[in-house]
Each structure stands twice: as C-alpha cells, then as structure tokens.
C-alpha cells in the first residue's frame, strides 16, 4: 500500500460526505416581549433574553429594592416572590417570568406605614446596613403566608439561605417571631 487512492481498502478510503440540503439557520432572538404582573401592576416590555430578572427589575422598572450581592444565588439579597414563592432573581432570566406574578420589597408598604415584617425588623434590630434586608423580608413574608405560627426550625431554615455581614442573626430571627405574632392578629 503506497498511499495511491487506487490501492486503498474501503476502511482506508476517505469518507464521502453526503450532499445535504442547505438549512436556513434562524438568527437567535435577542429580545422577547413579555408580560407579567409586578407588585400588582401588569407590565409588558421587550426584554433581552439574557437579562436576569434582578437586572430587569432594577434597570428597566426602577425597583432598586432588589439588591445584587453575589450574583450566584448564595447571598439571598435579590430574593423576590415569583407566584408567591421565594426565588433568587439573579438566577432567573426575566423571560422565564413571563406570565407570572412578581413581588418585590417595594410591594410590602405601598402607603405611609410599614408592613408588619418591616416594622418587626426595625423594632428588633434585624438590620444594620440594610443591604441584605429586602431578601430577608421577602423570604419572611413568604414563610408567614404559609405558616402563620412558624416553628423556630422553619424560621431558621427560611433564613438559612441568606447572608448578613453586619448584624447577628438573632435579631433577625426575633423579628420574624415578632412579625408572626403581629400577623396572627
């Protein structure tokens, strides 16, 4: 076998690539128009498909109470409620929330007064710098909607997904306990 194509065996023959019809490749969509409810108001916007829900809320809707800390879903500062369930908005694309109901910390006290959970955090020193507070508040609200008399284990499990670098967690735990007592009334 001297490399002459006439002397090659079928195993050595170059593979023939079958002729294929040219496929028309569609350009990927870079933006979609989506509709959902944010803090009780219907919102319809065209959104870049790769934009996170946190960035959309902050940049497009001006809801800056959603804080971005780690942007990996670890710290919990970006926690909001999606159809009533706590989610890390830094881990979701805005287009994934199409058709959903979203609640941010801005929804808690639309008037002059504080929401019972906010008041409890203030009263029990559950915050210092406030950066992590919106995420804690939204998770606490979700917990108290499901469990009006939560156990300490439920409170600790709920708060366990949040990081606070300024204050001890005891004030935060006591704030959720106090909010639960107020919620019951």
N, C-alpha and C. Protein backbone atom coordinates (compact mmCIF):
# COMPACT_ATOMS: atom_id res chain seq x y z
N UNK A 1 0.84 -1.17 0.00
CA UNK A 1 0.00 0.00 0.00
C UNK A 1 0.89 1.24 0.00
N UNK A 2 0.86 1.91 -1.06
CA UNK A 2 1.75 3.05 -1.21
C UNK A 2 1.04 4.40 -1.10
N UNK A 3 -0.23 4.41 -0.62
CA UNK A 3 -0.94 5.67 -0.49
C UNK A 3 -1.66 6.05 -1.75
N UNK A 4 -1.54 5.23 -2.79
CA UNK A 4 -2.24 5.52 -4.04
C UNK A 4 -3.73 5.25 -3.83
N UNK A 5 -4.62 6.21 -4.17
CA UNK A 5 -6.04 6.02 -3.96
C UNK A 5 -6.59 4.78 -4.65
N UNK A 6 -5.97 4.35 -5.70
CA UNK A 6 -6.44 3.15 -6.39
C UNK A 6 -6.17 1.90 -5.59
N UNK A 7 -5.24 1.95 -4.68
CA UNK A 7 -4.86 0.79 -3.90
C UNK A 7 -5.35 0.87 -2.43
N UNK A 8 -6.35 1.64 -2.14
CA UNK A 8 -6.85 1.75 -0.76
C UNK A 8 -7.98 0.77 -0.53
N UNK A 9 -8.06 0.29 0.68
CA UNK A 9 -9.16 -0.59 1.04
C UNK A 9 -10.33 0.28 1.46
N UNK A 10 -11.54 -0.27 1.53
CA UNK A 10 -12.69 0.54 1.94
C UNK A 10 -12.48 1.21 3.29
N UNK A 11 -11.81 0.55 4.22
CA UNK A 11 -11.59 1.16 5.54
C UNK A 11 -10.66 2.35 5.45
N UNK A 12 -9.77 2.37 4.42
CA UNK A 12 -8.84 3.47 4.28
C UNK A 12 -9.39 4.58 3.39
N UNK A 13 -10.45 4.29 2.67
CA UNK A 13 -10.99 5.28 1.72
C UNK A 13 -11.56 6.46 2.49
N UNK A 14 -11.38 7.64 1.95
CA UNK A 14 -11.94 8.81 2.63
C UNK A 14 -13.46 8.70 2.64
N UNK A 15 -14.04 9.08 3.76
CA UNK A 15 -15.50 9.02 3.89
C UNK A 15 -16.12 10.07 2.99
N UNK A 16 -17.17 9.65 2.32
CA UNK A 16 -17.91 10.61 1.49
C UNK A 16 -18.95 11.30 2.35
N UNK A 17 -18.97 12.54 2.24
CA UNK A 17 -19.97 13.31 2.97
C UNK A 17 -21.16 13.46 2.04
N UNK A 18 -22.32 12.95 2.47
CA UNK A 18 -23.49 13.07 1.60
C UNK A 18 -23.85 14.53 1.40
N UNK A 19 -24.33 14.80 0.22
CA UNK A 19 -24.77 16.17 -0.08
C UNK A 19 -25.98 16.47 0.77
N UNK A 20 -25.97 17.58 1.44
CA UNK A 20 -27.09 17.96 2.31
C UNK A 20 -27.74 19.20 1.75
N UNK A 21 -29.01 19.25 2.02
CA UNK A 21 -29.70 20.47 1.64
C UNK A 21 -29.23 21.58 2.58
N UNK A 22 -29.11 22.71 2.04
CA UNK A 22 -28.71 23.85 2.87
C UNK A 22 -29.85 24.18 3.82
N UNK A 23 -29.52 24.20 5.07
CA UNK A 23 -30.52 24.58 6.07
C UNK A 23 -30.43 26.06 6.32
N UNK A 24 -31.57 26.64 6.46
CA UNK A 24 -31.59 28.05 6.79
C UNK A 24 -31.50 28.17 8.31
N UNK A 25 -30.46 28.76 8.74
CA UNK A 25 -30.30 28.96 10.18
C UNK A 25 -31.03 30.23 10.58
N UNK A 26 -31.84 30.07 11.59
CA UNK A 26 -32.54 31.25 12.09
C UNK A 26 -31.62 32.01 13.02
N UNK A 27 -31.70 33.28 12.92
CA UNK A 27 -30.96 34.12 13.85
C UNK A 27 -31.59 33.94 15.22
N UNK A 28 -30.78 33.75 16.24
CA UNK A 28 -31.37 33.63 17.57
C UNK A 28 -32.03 34.94 17.96
N UNK A 29 -33.14 34.81 18.68
CA UNK A 29 -33.82 36.02 19.11
C UNK A 29 -33.01 36.66 20.23
N UNK A 30 -32.80 37.92 20.11
CA UNK A 30 -32.04 38.62 21.14
C UNK A 30 -32.96 39.29 22.15
N UNK A 31 -34.23 39.43 21.81
CA UNK A 31 -35.18 40.06 22.73
C UNK A 31 -36.57 39.47 22.50
N UNK A 32 -37.34 39.43 23.56
CA UNK A 32 -38.72 38.96 23.50
C UNK A 32 -39.61 39.95 24.24
N UNK A 33 -40.84 40.05 23.80
CA UNK A 33 -41.81 40.86 24.51
C UNK A 33 -42.53 39.94 25.49
N UNK A 34 -42.50 40.32 26.75
CA UNK A 34 -43.12 39.50 27.79
C UNK A 34 -44.09 40.35 28.59
N UNK A 35 -44.99 39.65 29.24
CA UNK A 35 -45.99 40.31 30.09
C UNK A 35 -46.07 39.54 31.40
N UNK A 36 -46.08 40.28 32.48
CA UNK A 36 -46.28 39.69 33.80
C UNK A 36 -46.79 40.77 34.74
N UNK A 37 -47.09 40.37 35.95
CA UNK A 37 -47.58 41.31 36.96
C UNK A 37 -46.46 41.55 37.96
N UNK A 38 -46.13 42.81 38.17
CA UNK A 38 -45.10 43.18 39.14
C UNK A 38 -45.73 44.08 40.19
N UNK A 39 -45.71 43.59 41.42
CA UNK A 39 -46.28 44.34 42.54
C UNK A 39 -47.72 44.79 42.26
N UNK A 40 -48.47 43.90 41.62
CA UNK A 40 -49.88 44.16 41.36
C UNK A 40 -50.19 44.89 40.06
N UNK A 41 -49.18 45.33 39.34
CA UNK A 41 -49.41 46.05 38.09
C UNK A 41 -48.95 45.20 36.90
N UNK A 42 -49.76 45.19 35.85
CA UNK A 42 -49.39 44.45 34.65
C UNK A 42 -48.30 45.21 33.91
N UNK A 43 -47.27 44.49 33.54
CA UNK A 43 -46.12 45.08 32.85
C UNK A 43 -45.90 44.30 31.56
N UNK A 44 -45.73 45.01 30.47
CA UNK A 44 -45.37 44.38 29.20
C UNK A 44 -44.17 45.14 28.65
N UNK A 45 -43.10 44.40 28.42
CA UNK A 45 -41.85 45.02 27.95
C UNK A 45 -41.13 44.07 27.01
N UNK A 46 -40.32 44.65 26.16
CA UNK A 46 -39.40 43.86 25.34
C UNK A 46 -38.10 43.78 26.13
N UNK A 47 -37.65 42.54 26.32
CA UNK A 47 -36.51 42.28 27.21
C UNK A 47 -35.47 41.46 26.47
N UNK A 48 -34.21 41.78 26.66
CA UNK A 48 -33.14 40.95 26.14
C UNK A 48 -33.26 39.57 26.78
N UNK A 49 -33.12 38.53 25.98
CA UNK A 49 -33.33 37.17 26.50
C UNK A 49 -32.31 36.77 27.55
N UNK A 50 -31.16 37.38 27.59
CA UNK A 50 -30.12 37.03 28.56
C UNK A 50 -30.10 37.95 29.79
N UNK A 51 -31.09 38.83 29.91
CA UNK A 51 -31.12 39.76 31.05
C UNK A 51 -31.76 39.05 32.25
N UNK A 52 -31.10 39.14 33.39
CA UNK A 52 -31.65 38.50 34.58
C UNK A 52 -32.87 39.26 35.07
N UNK A 53 -33.69 38.57 35.83
CA UNK A 53 -34.86 39.21 36.41
C UNK A 53 -34.44 40.33 37.35
N UNK A 54 -33.37 40.13 38.10
CA UNK A 54 -32.89 41.17 39.00
C UNK A 54 -32.50 42.43 38.23
N UNK A 55 -31.74 42.27 37.15
CA UNK A 55 -31.34 43.43 36.35
C UNK A 55 -32.55 44.09 35.71
N UNK A 56 -33.50 43.29 35.25
CA UNK A 56 -34.71 43.85 34.64
C UNK A 56 -35.49 44.68 35.67
N UNK A 57 -35.67 44.13 36.86
CA UNK A 57 -36.40 44.85 37.90
C UNK A 57 -35.71 46.17 38.24
N UNK A 58 -34.41 46.12 38.40
CA UNK A 58 -33.65 47.31 38.79
C UNK A 58 -33.53 48.32 37.64
N UNK A 59 -33.08 47.85 36.49
CA UNK A 59 -32.75 48.76 35.39
C UNK A 59 -33.97 49.19 34.57
N UNK A 60 -34.84 48.26 34.27
CA UNK A 60 -35.96 48.58 33.39
C UNK A 60 -37.17 49.12 34.16
N UNK A 61 -37.39 48.63 35.37
CA UNK A 61 -38.56 49.06 36.13
C UNK A 61 -38.23 50.00 37.29
N UNK A 62 -36.94 50.21 37.57
CA UNK A 62 -36.55 51.13 38.64
C UNK A 62 -36.84 50.62 40.04
N UNK A 63 -37.02 49.32 40.19
CA UNK A 63 -37.28 48.72 41.51
C UNK A 63 -35.96 48.32 42.15
N UNK A 64 -35.29 49.31 42.69
CA UNK A 64 -33.93 49.11 43.19
C UNK A 64 -33.87 48.48 44.58
N UNK A 65 -35.02 48.13 45.14
CA UNK A 65 -35.01 47.39 46.40
C UNK A 65 -34.50 45.98 46.23
N UNK A 66 -34.51 45.47 45.01
CA UNK A 66 -33.92 44.17 44.71
C UNK A 66 -32.42 44.40 44.62
N UNK A 67 -31.69 43.88 45.60
CA UNK A 67 -30.25 44.12 45.65
C UNK A 67 -29.47 42.97 45.03
N UNK A 68 -28.36 43.31 44.43
CA UNK A 68 -27.46 42.31 43.86
C UNK A 68 -26.20 42.25 44.68
N UNK A 69 -25.97 41.07 45.25
CA UNK A 69 -24.77 40.87 46.05
C UNK A 69 -23.81 39.97 45.31
N UNK A 70 -24.01 38.68 45.47
CA UNK A 70 -23.07 37.71 44.91
C UNK A 70 -23.33 37.38 43.44
N UNK A 71 -24.55 37.56 42.99
CA UNK A 71 -24.99 37.21 41.63
C UNK A 71 -24.77 35.74 41.30
N UNK A 72 -24.78 34.91 42.34
CA UNK A 72 -24.66 33.44 42.19
C UNK A 72 -25.76 32.73 42.96
N UNK A 73 -26.72 33.46 43.53
CA UNK A 73 -27.81 32.87 44.28
C UNK A 73 -27.46 32.45 45.69
N UNK A 74 -26.33 32.86 46.19
CA UNK A 74 -25.87 32.42 47.51
C UNK A 74 -26.31 33.37 48.62
N UNK A 75 -26.23 34.67 48.39
CA UNK A 75 -26.42 35.62 49.49
C UNK A 75 -27.88 35.91 49.80
N UNK A 76 -28.77 35.78 48.84
CA UNK A 76 -30.20 36.00 49.08
C UNK A 76 -30.65 37.44 49.00
N UNK A 77 -29.76 38.38 48.75
CA UNK A 77 -30.14 39.80 48.72
C UNK A 77 -31.14 40.11 47.60
N UNK A 78 -31.16 39.32 46.55
CA UNK A 78 -32.03 39.57 45.41
C UNK A 78 -33.35 38.82 45.49
N UNK A 79 -33.65 38.22 46.64
CA UNK A 79 -34.85 37.39 46.76
C UNK A 79 -36.11 38.22 46.56
N UNK A 80 -36.96 37.70 45.69
CA UNK A 80 -38.29 38.24 45.47
C UNK A 80 -39.25 37.07 45.45
N UNK A 81 -40.51 37.35 45.23
CA UNK A 81 -41.50 36.28 45.18
C UNK A 81 -42.00 36.13 43.76
N UNK A 82 -41.99 34.92 43.27
CA UNK A 82 -42.50 34.58 41.95
C UNK A 82 -43.68 33.65 42.18
N UNK A 83 -44.86 34.14 41.86
CA UNK A 83 -46.09 33.39 42.15
C UNK A 83 -46.14 32.98 43.61
N UNK A 84 -45.69 33.88 44.49
CA UNK A 84 -45.76 33.66 45.92
C UNK A 84 -44.61 32.89 46.52
N UNK A 85 -43.72 32.37 45.70
CA UNK A 85 -42.60 31.56 46.20
C UNK A 85 -41.30 32.37 46.12
N UNK A 86 -40.46 32.27 47.16
CA UNK A 86 -39.18 33.00 47.11
C UNK A 86 -38.27 32.45 46.01
N UNK A 87 -37.68 33.36 45.26
CA UNK A 87 -36.72 32.99 44.21
C UNK A 87 -35.56 33.96 44.24
N UNK A 88 -34.42 33.49 43.78
CA UNK A 88 -33.25 34.35 43.62
C UNK A 88 -33.35 34.98 42.23
N UNK A 89 -33.66 36.24 42.18
CA UNK A 89 -33.89 36.89 40.88
C UNK A 89 -32.61 37.06 40.07
N UNK A 90 -31.45 36.86 40.69
CA UNK A 90 -30.19 36.93 39.93
C UNK A 90 -29.96 35.66 39.13
N UNK A 91 -30.69 34.59 39.46
CA UNK A 91 -30.51 33.31 38.77
C UNK A 91 -31.55 33.05 37.69
N UNK A 92 -32.54 33.91 37.59
CA UNK A 92 -33.60 33.74 36.59
C UNK A 92 -33.44 34.78 35.49
N UNK A 93 -33.74 34.36 34.28
CA UNK A 93 -33.84 35.33 33.21
C UNK A 93 -35.23 35.96 33.29
N UNK A 94 -35.33 37.22 32.95
CA UNK A 94 -36.62 37.90 33.01
C UNK A 94 -37.65 37.18 32.14
N UNK A 95 -37.23 36.66 30.99
CA UNK A 95 -38.18 35.98 30.11
C UNK A 95 -38.76 34.72 30.74
N UNK A 96 -38.06 34.14 31.72
CA UNK A 96 -38.58 32.97 32.42
C UNK A 96 -39.76 33.33 33.31
N UNK A 97 -39.92 34.59 33.63
CA UNK A 97 -41.01 35.04 34.50
C UNK A 97 -42.25 35.46 33.71
N UNK A 98 -42.22 35.28 32.40
CA UNK A 98 -43.36 35.67 31.57
C UNK A 98 -44.63 35.01 32.10
N UNK A 99 -45.67 35.81 32.27
CA UNK A 99 -46.96 35.31 32.73
C UNK A 99 -47.07 35.16 34.23
N UNK A 100 -46.02 35.40 34.97
CA UNK A 100 -46.00 35.18 36.42
C UNK A 100 -46.38 36.44 37.19
N UNK A 101 -46.60 36.25 38.46
CA UNK A 101 -46.79 37.35 39.39
C UNK A 101 -45.51 37.52 40.20
N UNK A 102 -44.96 38.72 40.19
CA UNK A 102 -43.70 39.00 40.87
C UNK A 102 -43.97 40.02 41.96
N UNK A 103 -43.39 39.78 43.13
CA UNK A 103 -43.47 40.74 44.23
C UNK A 103 -42.06 41.09 44.66
N UNK A 104 -41.80 42.37 44.81
CA UNK A 104 -40.52 42.85 45.30
C UNK A 104 -40.75 43.53 46.64
N UNK A 105 -39.69 43.92 47.29
CA UNK A 105 -39.80 44.55 48.59
C UNK A 105 -40.62 45.84 48.51
N UNK A 106 -40.66 46.47 47.37
CA UNK A 106 -41.44 47.70 47.21
C UNK A 106 -42.94 47.46 47.40
N UNK A 107 -43.37 46.21 47.25
CA UNK A 107 -44.80 45.90 47.38
C UNK A 107 -45.25 45.81 48.84
N UNK A 108 -44.31 45.73 49.77
CA UNK A 108 -44.69 45.49 51.15
C UNK A 108 -45.40 46.66 51.81
N UNK A 109 -44.97 47.85 51.58
CA UNK A 109 -45.56 49.02 52.23
C UNK A 109 -45.82 50.12 51.19
N UNK A 110 -46.85 49.94 50.38
CA UNK A 110 -47.08 50.93 49.33
C UNK A 110 -47.54 52.29 49.86
N UNK A 111 -48.06 52.33 51.10
CA UNK A 111 -48.52 53.59 51.66
C UNK A 111 -47.50 54.19 52.61
N UNK A 112 -48.01 54.87 53.62
CA UNK A 112 -47.15 55.55 54.59
C UNK A 112 -46.57 54.61 55.64
N UNK A 113 -47.34 53.63 56.08
CA UNK A 113 -46.91 52.77 57.17
C UNK A 113 -46.01 51.64 56.69
N UNK A 114 -45.45 50.92 57.66
CA UNK A 114 -44.60 49.78 57.36
C UNK A 114 -45.42 48.49 57.38
N UNK A 115 -45.00 47.55 56.61
CA UNK A 115 -45.56 46.20 56.66
C UNK A 115 -45.19 45.62 58.02
N UNK A 116 -46.00 44.72 58.59
CA UNK A 116 -45.66 44.14 59.90
C UNK A 116 -44.26 43.52 59.96
N UNK A 117 -43.81 42.92 58.88
CA UNK A 117 -42.47 42.32 58.89
C UNK A 117 -41.41 43.42 58.92
N UNK A 118 -41.61 44.48 58.16
CA UNK A 118 -40.67 45.59 58.19
C UNK A 118 -40.61 46.24 59.57
N UNK A 119 -41.77 46.43 60.17
CA UNK A 119 -41.83 47.04 61.50
C UNK A 119 -41.11 46.16 62.52
N UNK A 120 -41.29 44.85 62.41
CA UNK A 120 -40.63 43.94 63.35
C UNK A 120 -39.12 43.98 63.18
N UNK A 121 -38.65 44.06 61.94
CA UNK A 121 -37.20 44.15 61.71
C UNK A 121 -36.65 45.42 62.33
N UNK A 122 -37.37 46.51 62.21
CA UNK A 122 -36.91 47.77 62.80
C UNK A 122 -36.92 47.68 64.33
N UNK A 123 -38.00 47.16 64.87
CA UNK A 123 -38.16 47.10 66.32
C UNK A 123 -37.17 46.14 66.98
N UNK A 124 -36.81 45.07 66.32
CA UNK A 124 -35.95 44.04 66.91
C UNK A 124 -34.52 44.07 66.38
N UNK A 125 -34.15 45.18 65.78
CA UNK A 125 -32.78 45.38 65.29
C UNK A 125 -32.35 44.25 64.35
N UNK A 126 -33.24 43.92 63.42
CA UNK A 126 -32.95 42.86 62.46
C UNK A 126 -32.23 43.37 61.24
N UNK A 127 -31.71 44.59 61.30
CA UNK A 127 -30.96 45.14 60.17
C UNK A 127 -29.94 46.14 60.67
N UNK A 128 -28.92 46.31 59.89
CA UNK A 128 -27.96 47.37 60.17
C UNK A 128 -27.75 48.18 58.90
N UNK A 129 -26.93 47.70 57.99
CA UNK A 129 -26.71 48.49 56.77
C UNK A 129 -27.92 48.40 55.84
N UNK A 130 -28.67 47.31 55.93
CA UNK A 130 -29.89 47.18 55.13
C UNK A 130 -29.71 46.53 53.77
N UNK A 131 -28.49 46.21 53.39
CA UNK A 131 -28.28 45.65 52.05
C UNK A 131 -28.97 44.30 51.89
N UNK A 132 -28.88 43.44 52.88
CA UNK A 132 -29.47 42.11 52.80
C UNK A 132 -30.94 42.11 53.16
N UNK A 133 -31.41 43.17 53.78
CA UNK A 133 -32.75 43.21 54.36
C UNK A 133 -33.88 42.91 53.38
N UNK A 134 -33.89 43.45 52.16
CA UNK A 134 -35.01 43.13 51.27
C UNK A 134 -35.19 41.63 51.04
N UNK A 135 -34.10 40.91 50.89
CA UNK A 135 -34.19 39.46 50.69
C UNK A 135 -34.74 38.76 51.91
N UNK A 136 -34.25 39.15 53.10
CA UNK A 136 -34.78 38.58 54.34
C UNK A 136 -36.27 38.86 54.46
N UNK A 137 -36.67 40.10 54.18
CA UNK A 137 -38.09 40.47 54.30
C UNK A 137 -38.97 39.63 53.39
N UNK A 138 -38.55 39.48 52.14
CA UNK A 138 -39.39 38.74 51.19
C UNK A 138 -39.49 37.26 51.56
N UNK A 139 -38.40 36.68 52.03
CA UNK A 139 -38.47 35.28 52.48
C UNK A 139 -39.34 35.15 53.72
N UNK A 140 -39.24 36.11 54.63
CA UNK A 140 -40.07 36.07 55.84
C UNK A 140 -41.55 36.21 55.49
N UNK A 141 -41.87 37.07 54.56
CA UNK A 141 -43.27 37.24 54.13
C UNK A 141 -43.80 35.92 53.55
N UNK A 142 -43.02 35.29 52.71
CA UNK A 142 -43.45 34.01 52.12
C UNK A 142 -43.66 32.96 53.21
N UNK A 143 -42.75 32.91 54.17
CA UNK A 143 -42.88 31.96 55.28
C UNK A 143 -44.17 32.21 56.05
N UNK A 144 -44.43 33.47 56.40
CA UNK A 144 -45.58 33.80 57.23
C UNK A 144 -46.90 33.66 56.48
N UNK A 145 -46.88 33.74 55.18
CA UNK A 145 -48.10 33.47 54.41
C UNK A 145 -48.45 31.99 54.48
N UNK A 146 -47.43 31.15 54.50
CA UNK A 146 -47.66 29.70 54.55
C UNK A 146 -47.82 29.17 55.97
N UNK A 147 -47.15 29.80 56.93
CA UNK A 147 -47.14 29.33 58.31
C UNK A 147 -47.32 30.53 59.23
N UNK A 148 -48.55 30.79 59.65
CA UNK A 148 -48.78 31.96 60.49
C UNK A 148 -48.16 31.79 61.87
N UNK A 149 -47.92 30.55 62.28
CA UNK A 149 -47.23 30.28 63.54
C UNK A 149 -46.04 29.37 63.21
N UNK A 150 -44.98 29.95 62.67
CA UNK A 150 -43.85 29.10 62.27
C UNK A 150 -43.06 28.61 63.47
N UNK A 151 -42.49 27.44 63.33
CA UNK A 151 -41.59 26.92 64.36
C UNK A 151 -40.24 27.59 64.19
N UNK A 152 -39.42 27.48 65.22
CA UNK A 152 -38.06 28.02 65.12
C UNK A 152 -37.30 27.33 63.99
N UNK A 153 -37.54 26.04 63.81
CA UNK A 153 -36.86 25.31 62.73
C UNK A 153 -37.25 25.87 61.37
N UNK A 154 -38.54 26.19 61.20
CA UNK A 154 -38.98 26.76 59.92
C UNK A 154 -38.37 28.14 59.70
N UNK A 155 -38.31 28.92 60.75
CA UNK A 155 -37.70 30.26 60.62
C UNK A 155 -36.23 30.13 60.26
N UNK A 156 -35.50 29.28 60.97
CA UNK A 156 -34.07 29.11 60.71
C UNK A 156 -33.82 28.55 59.31
N UNK A 157 -34.66 27.63 58.88
CA UNK A 157 -34.49 27.08 57.52
C UNK A 157 -34.72 28.16 56.47
N UNK A 158 -35.74 28.98 56.69
CA UNK A 158 -36.03 30.06 55.74
C UNK A 158 -34.90 31.08 55.69
N UNK A 159 -34.39 31.45 56.83
CA UNK A 159 -33.34 32.47 56.88
C UNK A 159 -31.98 31.90 56.54
N UNK A 160 -31.84 30.59 56.57
CA UNK A 160 -30.54 29.96 56.31
C UNK A 160 -30.01 30.21 54.91
N UNK A 161 -30.84 30.61 54.00
CA UNK A 161 -30.39 30.88 52.64
C UNK A 161 -30.00 32.33 52.41
N UNK A 162 -29.78 33.06 53.50
CA UNK A 162 -29.43 34.48 53.39
C UNK A 162 -28.16 34.76 54.17
N UNK A 163 -27.37 35.66 53.65
CA UNK A 163 -26.14 36.07 54.33
C UNK A 163 -26.25 37.53 54.76
N UNK A 164 -25.85 37.78 55.99
CA UNK A 164 -25.78 39.14 56.51
C UNK A 164 -24.40 39.30 57.12
N UNK A 165 -23.72 40.36 56.74
CA UNK A 165 -22.35 40.56 57.24
C UNK A 165 -22.29 41.59 58.35
N UNK A 166 -23.41 42.25 58.65
CA UNK A 166 -23.36 43.35 59.61
C UNK A 166 -23.90 43.03 60.98
N UNK A 167 -24.94 42.25 61.03
CA UNK A 167 -25.61 42.05 62.31
C UNK A 167 -25.66 40.58 62.66
N UNK A 168 -25.93 40.28 63.91
CA UNK A 168 -26.13 38.90 64.31
C UNK A 168 -27.50 38.44 63.85
N UNK A 169 -27.63 37.20 63.61
CA UNK A 169 -28.89 36.67 63.10
C UNK A 169 -29.97 36.61 64.17
N UNK A 170 -29.60 36.71 65.44
CA UNK A 170 -30.60 36.59 66.50
C UNK A 170 -31.67 37.67 66.39
N UNK A 171 -31.28 38.89 66.08
CA UNK A 171 -32.27 39.96 65.91
C UNK A 171 -33.19 39.70 64.74
N UNK A 172 -32.66 39.11 63.69
CA UNK A 172 -33.47 38.79 62.51
C UNK A 172 -34.47 37.68 62.86
N UNK A 173 -34.01 36.66 63.56
CA UNK A 173 -34.90 35.56 63.97
C UNK A 173 -36.00 36.10 64.88
N UNK A 174 -35.63 36.94 65.84
CA UNK A 174 -36.63 37.52 66.75
C UNK A 174 -37.61 38.41 65.99
N UNK A 175 -37.13 39.11 64.98
CA UNK A 175 -38.03 39.95 64.17
C UNK A 175 -39.07 39.10 63.45
N UNK A 176 -38.67 37.95 62.93
CA UNK A 176 -39.63 37.08 62.25
C UNK A 176 -40.62 36.51 63.26
N UNK A 177 -40.14 36.13 64.45
CA UNK A 177 -41.05 35.67 65.50
C UNK A 177 -42.08 36.75 65.85
N UNK A 178 -41.60 37.97 66.03
CA UNK A 178 -42.48 39.09 66.38
C UNK A 178 -43.46 39.38 65.24
N UNK A 179 -42.99 39.32 64.02
CA UNK A 179 -43.87 39.55 62.88
C UNK A 179 -44.96 38.48 62.83
N UNK A 180 -44.61 37.25 63.18
CA UNK A 180 -45.60 36.17 63.19
C UNK A 180 -46.68 36.46 64.25
N UNK A 181 -46.28 36.99 65.40
CA UNK A 181 -47.28 37.32 66.44
C UNK A 181 -48.20 38.44 65.95
N UNK A 182 -47.64 39.42 65.27
CA UNK A 182 -48.44 40.52 64.72
C UNK A 182 -49.33 40.01 63.60
N UNK A 183 -48.80 39.15 62.77
CA UNK A 183 -49.52 38.59 61.62
C UNK A 183 -50.77 37.85 62.09
N UNK A 184 -50.67 37.18 63.24
CA UNK A 184 -51.79 36.39 63.76
C UNK A 184 -52.97 37.28 64.13
N UNK A 185 -52.68 38.51 64.52
CA UNK A 185 -53.77 39.43 64.91
C UNK A 185 -54.43 39.89 63.69
